[in-house]
């Protein structure tokens, strides 16, 4: 997700407010934007890597919904799936 949006401070703050993110969700997003690995996030926040993955997946869903309702949030650049 960190590379699917050109994150700025205003976009980050707008998304956090629009989606009403928890402190943990906001911290996971912030550290993803800073290119932390999932393992480093899991260690820092005392979570499993799979828990971090679930939070990231949830953040993507929340962002997509928020972007539909808020014109200040750009759409994510989704990766194309090769068949």
Protein backbone atom coordinates (compact mmCIF):
# COMPACT_ATOMS: atom_id res chain seq x y z
CA UNK A 1 0.00 0.00 0.00
CA UNK A 2 2.86 2.35 0.74
CA UNK A 3 3.84 2.46 -2.95
CA UNK A 4 0.29 2.44 -4.33
CA UNK A 5 -0.40 6.03 -3.22
CA UNK A 6 1.88 9.06 -3.41
CA UNK A 7 1.63 9.77 0.31
CA UNK A 8 1.85 13.32 1.56
CA UNK A 9 1.21 14.53 5.08
CA UNK A 10 -2.17 15.93 4.07
CA UNK A 11 -3.26 12.68 2.35
CA UNK A 12 -2.11 10.65 5.36
CA UNK A 13 -3.98 12.90 7.81
CA UNK A 14 -7.09 13.05 5.60
CA UNK A 15 -7.20 9.24 5.36
CA UNK A 16 -6.64 8.74 9.10
CA UNK A 17 -9.51 11.12 9.87
CA UNK A 18 -11.85 9.83 7.14
CA UNK A 19 -11.36 6.16 8.05
CA UNK A 20 -11.17 6.82 11.81
CA UNK A 21 -8.03 4.69 12.12
CA UNK A 22 -6.94 3.36 15.47
CA UNK A 23 -3.55 4.39 16.83
CA UNK A 24 -2.13 1.00 15.83
CA UNK A 25 -3.53 1.21 12.29
CA UNK A 26 -2.13 4.74 11.89
CA UNK A 27 1.25 3.59 13.21
CA UNK A 28 1.34 0.60 10.83
CA UNK A 29 0.45 2.87 7.91
CA UNK A 30 3.02 5.50 8.90
CA UNK A 31 5.80 2.93 9.21
CA UNK A 32 4.82 1.29 5.88
CA UNK A 33 5.14 4.70 4.26
CA UNK A 34 8.60 4.91 5.83
CA UNK A 35 9.46 1.55 4.19
CA UNK A 36 9.64 -0.51 7.36
CA UNK A 37 9.47 -4.24 6.70
CA UNK A 38 6.55 -6.27 7.99
CA UNK A 39 8.95 -8.14 10.28
CA UNK A 40 10.26 -4.89 11.77
CA UNK A 41 6.68 -3.68 12.30
CA UNK A 42 5.71 -6.95 13.95
CA UNK A 43 8.70 -6.74 16.28
CA UNK A 44 8.16 -3.06 17.11
CA UNK A 45 4.44 -3.43 17.86
CA UNK A 46 4.66 -6.90 19.45
CA UNK A 47 2.51 -8.52 16.75
CA UNK A 48 2.87 -11.53 14.49
CA UNK A 49 3.69 -10.93 10.84
CA UNK A 50 0.29 -12.37 9.94
CA UNK A 51 -1.38 -9.81 12.24
CA UNK A 52 0.50 -7.02 10.46
CA UNK A 53 -0.63 -8.49 7.13
CA UNK A 54 -4.25 -8.48 8.31
CA UNK A 55 -3.98 -4.85 9.38
CA UNK A 56 -2.44 -3.89 6.02
CA UNK A 57 -5.20 -5.73 4.15
CA UNK A 58 -7.80 -3.92 6.27
CA UNK A 59 -6.10 -0.58 5.60
CA UNK A 60 -6.29 -1.20 1.86
CA UNK A 61 -10.02 -1.92 2.08
CA UNK A 62 -10.61 1.14 4.25
CA UNK A 63 -8.58 3.32 1.89
CA UNK A 64 -10.52 2.16 -1.16
CA UNK A 65 -13.83 2.97 0.57
CA UNK A 66 -12.57 6.33 1.84
CA UNK A 67 -11.20 7.28 -1.59
CA UNK A 68 -14.62 6.66 -3.16
CA UNK A 69 -16.25 9.09 -0.73
CA UNK A 70 -13.52 11.71 -0.44
CA UNK A 71 -12.23 13.54 -3.53
CA UNK A 72 -9.09 14.61 -1.62
CA UNK A 73 -7.88 11.00 -1.57
CA UNK A 74 -6.42 9.71 -4.85
CA UNK A 75 -7.24 6.19 -6.00
CA UNK A 76 -4.64 3.52 -5.28
CA UNK A 77 -2.46 2.36 -8.17
CA UNK A 78 -3.30 -1.33 -8.00
CA UNK A 79 -0.85 -3.86 -9.32
CA UNK A 80 -2.03 -5.77 -12.34
CA UNK A 81 -2.40 -9.50 -11.91
CA UNK A 82 -0.68 -11.61 -14.55
CA UNK A 83 -2.45 -14.79 -15.68
